[in-house]
Amino acid sequence: QVQLVESGGGLVQAGGSLRLSCAASGRTFSSYAMGWFRQPPGKEREFVAGISWGSSTYYADSVKGRFTISRDNAKNTVNLQINSLKPKDTAVYFCAAAQVSGKVTTTRHYDYWGQGTQVTVSS
């Protein structure tokens, strides 16, 4: 069992930056691949960024070059640095954990989810 709590969301102007954090507790944090998903209003939840047990990273094409995912196993945290924010980035952002190998970019592969943090980007 893993508990995840996101923080760092808020209202920001287009072009600005935001740093989201995910605090994990429960089982050994380093045993899980971690990911960030987002769900825009009225749309399906979509993959944003992932980081493996070995800290290899991968991103959705829509955010590549602007978003950076990182993890600190000693502190049981995962972060998502978001730069050059666009109104399209407006969504609830979710942190998720998966006890699986390889790249995991679909919701069904993730075992645990946080409650989400709202990111709103104004134009």
C-alpha atoms as a PDB file:
ATOM      1  CA  GLN A   1       0.000   0.000   0.000  1.00  0.00           C
ATOM      2  CA  VAL A   2       1.250   3.437  -0.985  1.00  0.00           C
ATOM      3  CA  GLN A   3      -0.248   6.800  -0.153  1.00  0.00           C
ATOM      4  CA  LEU A   4       0.444   9.733  -2.458  1.00  0.00           C
ATOM      5  CA  VAL A   5      -0.220  13.412  -1.836  1.00  0.00           C
ATOM      6  CA  GLU A   6       0.303  16.059  -4.511  1.00  0.00           C
ATOM      7  CA  SER A   7       0.994  19.719  -3.891  1.00  0.00           C
ATOM      8  CA  GLY A   8       2.177  22.807  -5.729  1.00  0.00           C
ATOM      9  CA  GLY A   9      -0.734  23.489  -8.039  1.00  0.00           C
ATOM     10  CA  GLY A  10      -2.337  26.871  -8.451  1.00  0.00           C
ATOM     11  CA  LEU A  11      -3.177  29.685 -10.822  1.00  0.00           C
ATOM     12  CA  VAL A  12      -0.364  30.918 -13.046  1.00  0.00           C
ATOM     13  CA  GLN A  13      -0.048  33.078 -16.151  1.00  0.00           C
ATOM     14  CA  ALA A  14       0.877  31.603 -19.513  1.00  0.00           C
ATOM     15  CA  GLY A  15       4.629  31.417 -19.918  1.00  0.00           C
ATOM     16  CA  GLY A  16       5.200  30.965 -16.223  1.00  0.00           C
ATOM     17  CA  SER A  17       6.594  28.030 -14.303  1.00  0.00           C
ATOM     18  CA  LEU A  18       5.306  25.728 -11.624  1.00  0.00           C
ATOM     19  CA  ARG A  19       6.769  22.917  -9.570  1.00  0.00           C
ATOM     20  CA  LEU A  20       4.531  20.085  -8.468  1.00  0.00           C
ATOM     21  CA  SER A  21       5.525  17.702  -5.714  1.00  0.00           C
ATOM     22  CA  CYS A  22       4.312  14.279  -4.701  1.00  0.00           C
ATOM     23  CA  ALA A  23       4.966  12.921  -1.230  1.00  0.00           C
ATOM     24  CA  ALA A  24       4.829   9.147  -0.898  1.00  0.00           C
ATOM     25  CA  SER A  25       4.426   6.998   2.174  1.00  0.00           C
ATOM     26  CA  GLY A  26       3.892   3.321   2.863  1.00  0.00           C
ATOM     27  CA  ARG A  27       5.969   0.726   1.053  1.00  0.00           C
ATOM     28  CA  THR A  28       9.513   1.310  -0.091  1.00  0.00           C
ATOM     29  CA  PHE A  29       9.359   4.271  -2.425  1.00  0.00           C
ATOM     30  CA  SER A  30      12.270   3.192  -4.594  1.00  0.00           C
ATOM     31  CA  SER A  31      10.459  -0.032  -5.540  1.00  0.00           C
ATOM     32  CA  TYR A  32       7.982   1.851  -7.727  1.00  0.00           C
ATOM     33  CA  ALA A  33       8.028   3.528 -11.061  1.00  0.00           C
ATOM     34  CA  MET A  34       6.342   6.904 -10.746  1.00  0.00           C
ATOM     35  CA  GLY A  35       4.309   8.939 -13.142  1.00  0.00           C
ATOM     36  CA  TRP A  36       2.369  12.133 -13.568  1.00  0.00           C
ATOM     37  CA  PHE A  37      -0.958  12.244 -15.354  1.00  0.00           C
ATOM     38  CA  ARG A  38      -3.331  15.097 -15.969  1.00  0.00           C
ATOM     39  CA  GLN A  39      -7.019  15.428 -16.652  1.00  0.00           C
ATOM     40  CA  PRO A  40      -8.238  18.591 -18.387  1.00  0.00           C
ATOM     41  CA  PRO A  41     -11.838  19.606 -17.691  1.00  0.00           C
ATOM     42  CA  GLY A  42     -14.230  17.376 -19.596  1.00  0.00           C
ATOM     43  CA  LYS A  43     -11.469  15.177 -21.002  1.00  0.00           C
ATOM     44  CA  GLU A  44      -9.833  11.831 -20.299  1.00  0.00           C
ATOM     45  CA  ARG A  45      -6.883  11.411 -18.008  1.00  0.00           C
ATOM     46  CA  GLU A  46      -3.646  11.435 -19.992  1.00  0.00           C
ATOM     47  CA  PHE A  47      -0.044  10.513 -19.397  1.00  0.00           C
ATOM     48  CA  VAL A  48       2.393  13.362 -18.855  1.00  0.00           C
ATOM     49  CA  ALA A  49       5.712  12.043 -17.570  1.00  0.00           C
ATOM     50  CA  GLY A  50       7.212   8.933 -16.045  1.00  0.00           C
ATOM     51  CA  ILE A  51      10.333   7.927 -14.164  1.00  0.00           C
ATOM     52  CA  SER A  52      11.553   4.370 -13.670  1.00  0.00           C
ATOM     53  CA  TRP A  53      13.127   2.629 -10.694  1.00  0.00           C
ATOM     54  CA  GLY A  54      16.490   3.541 -12.180  1.00  0.00           C
ATOM     55  CA  SER A  55      15.451   7.167 -12.757  1.00  0.00           C
ATOM     56  CA  SER A  56      15.119   6.915 -16.533  1.00  0.00           C
ATOM     57  CA  THR A  57      12.569   9.475 -17.688  1.00  0.00           C
ATOM     58  CA  TYR A  58      10.071   9.682 -20.511  1.00  0.00           C
ATOM     59  CA  TYR A  59       7.451  12.195 -21.559  1.00  0.00           C
ATOM     60  CA  ALA A  60       4.362  12.735 -23.623  1.00  0.00           C
ATOM     61  CA  ASP A  61       5.111  14.558 -26.864  1.00  0.00           C
ATOM     62  CA  SER A  62       2.899  17.442 -25.808  1.00  0.00           C
ATOM     63  CA  VAL A  63       5.099  18.302 -22.833  1.00  0.00           C
ATOM     64  CA  LYS A  64       8.555  17.182 -23.931  1.00  0.00           C
ATOM     65  CA  GLY A  65      11.061  19.980 -23.529  1.00  0.00           C
ATOM     66  CA  ARG A  66       8.893  21.879 -21.054  1.00  0.00           C
ATOM     67  CA  PHE A  67       8.296  19.378 -18.255  1.00  0.00           C
ATOM     68  CA  THR A  68      10.920  17.622 -16.151  1.00  0.00           C
ATOM     69  CA  ILE A  69      10.203  14.751 -13.799  1.00  0.00           C
ATOM     70  CA  SER A  70      12.594  13.818 -11.013  1.00  0.00           C
ATOM     71  CA  ARG A  71      12.630  11.721  -7.870  1.00  0.00           C
ATOM     72  CA  ASP A  72      14.415  11.733  -4.557  1.00  0.00           C
ATOM     73  CA  ASN A  73      14.217   8.266  -3.062  1.00  0.00           C
ATOM     74  CA  ALA A  74      15.776   9.364   0.217  1.00  0.00           C
ATOM     75  CA  LYS A  75      12.977  11.880   0.717  1.00  0.00           C
ATOM     76  CA  ASN A  76      10.216   9.767  -0.847  1.00  0.00           C
ATOM     77  CA  THR A  77       9.257  12.537  -3.232  1.00  0.00           C
ATOM     78  CA  VAL A  78       8.610  12.932  -6.938  1.00  0.00           C
ATOM     79  CA  ASN A  79       8.591  16.320  -8.601  1.00  0.00           C
ATOM     80  CA  LEU A  80       7.355  17.749 -11.856  1.00  0.00           C
ATOM     81  CA  GLN A  81       8.948  20.978 -12.989  1.00  0.00           C
ATOM     82  CA  ILE A  82       6.723  22.707 -15.516  1.00  0.00           C
ATOM     83  CA  ASN A  83       8.067  25.541 -17.652  1.00  0.00           C
ATOM     84  CA  SER A  84       6.536  27.673 -20.385  1.00  0.00           C
ATOM     85  CA  LEU A  85       3.026  26.939 -19.223  1.00  0.00           C
ATOM     86  CA  LYS A  86       0.212  27.111 -21.743  1.00  0.00           C
ATOM     87  CA  PRO A  87      -3.550  27.382 -21.222  1.00  0.00           C
ATOM     88  CA  LYS A  88      -3.755  23.848 -22.652  1.00  0.00           C
ATOM     89  CA  ASP A  89      -1.859  22.647 -19.575  1.00  0.00           C
ATOM     90  CA  THR A  90      -4.834  23.496 -17.380  1.00  0.00           C
ATOM     91  CA  ALA A  91      -5.852  20.275 -15.660  1.00  0.00           C
ATOM     92  CA  VAL A  92      -5.893  18.337 -12.454  1.00  0.00           C
ATOM     93  CA  TYR A  93      -2.474  16.731 -12.134  1.00  0.00           C
ATOM     94  CA  PHE A  94      -2.168  13.317 -10.529  1.00  0.00           C
ATOM     95  CA  CYS A  95       0.812  11.495  -9.126  1.00  0.00           C
ATOM     96  CA  ALA A  96       0.780   7.719  -9.547  1.00  0.00           C
ATOM     97  CA  ALA A  97       2.905   4.719  -8.586  1.00  0.00           C
ATOM     98  CA  ALA A  98       3.385   1.476 -10.506  1.00  0.00           C
ATOM     99  CA  GLN A  99       5.096  -1.711  -9.411  1.00  0.00           C
ATOM    100  CA  VAL A 100       5.961  -2.702 -12.938  1.00  0.00           C
ATOM    101  CA  SER A 101       9.009  -2.763 -15.190  1.00  0.00           C
ATOM    102  CA  GLY A 102       9.496  -0.783 -18.365  1.00  0.00           C
ATOM    103  CA  LYS A 103       7.722   2.341 -19.531  1.00  0.00           C
ATOM    104  CA  VAL A 104       4.200   2.709 -18.209  1.00  0.00           C
ATOM    105  CA  THR A 105       2.094   5.342 -19.923  1.00  0.00           C
ATOM    106  CA  THR A 106      -1.459   4.092 -19.416  1.00  0.00           C
ATOM    107  CA  THR A 107      -3.599   4.445 -16.323  1.00  0.00           C
ATOM    108  CA  ARG A 108      -4.269   0.704 -16.005  1.00  0.00           C
ATOM    109  CA  HIS A 109      -0.605   0.009 -15.235  1.00  0.00           C
ATOM    110  CA  TYR A 110      -0.582   2.219 -12.158  1.00  0.00           C
ATOM    111  CA  ASP A 111      -1.553   0.798  -8.795  1.00  0.00           C
ATOM    112  CA  TYR A 112      -1.794   3.884  -6.596  1.00  0.00           C
ATOM    113  CA  TRP A 113      -3.001   7.429  -7.162  1.00  0.00           C
ATOM    114  CA  GLY A 114      -3.019  10.705  -5.329  1.00  0.00           C
ATOM    115  CA  GLN A 115      -6.061  12.958  -5.106  1.00  0.00           C
ATOM    116  CA  GLY A 116      -4.675  15.453  -7.604  1.00  0.00           C
ATOM    117  CA  THR A 117      -3.696  19.096  -7.582  1.00  0.00           C
ATOM    118  CA  GLN A 118      -5.297  21.740  -9.777  1.00  0.00           C
ATOM    119  CA  VAL A 119      -3.185  23.681 -12.255  1.00  0.00           C
ATOM    120  CA  THR A 120      -4.881  26.594 -13.983  1.00  0.00           C
ATOM    121  CA  VAL A 121      -3.062  28.614 -16.641  1.00  0.00           C
ATOM    122  CA  SER A 122      -4.479  31.981 -17.650  1.00  0.00           C
ATOM    123  CA  SER A 123      -3.851  33.506 -21.074  1.00  0.00           C
END
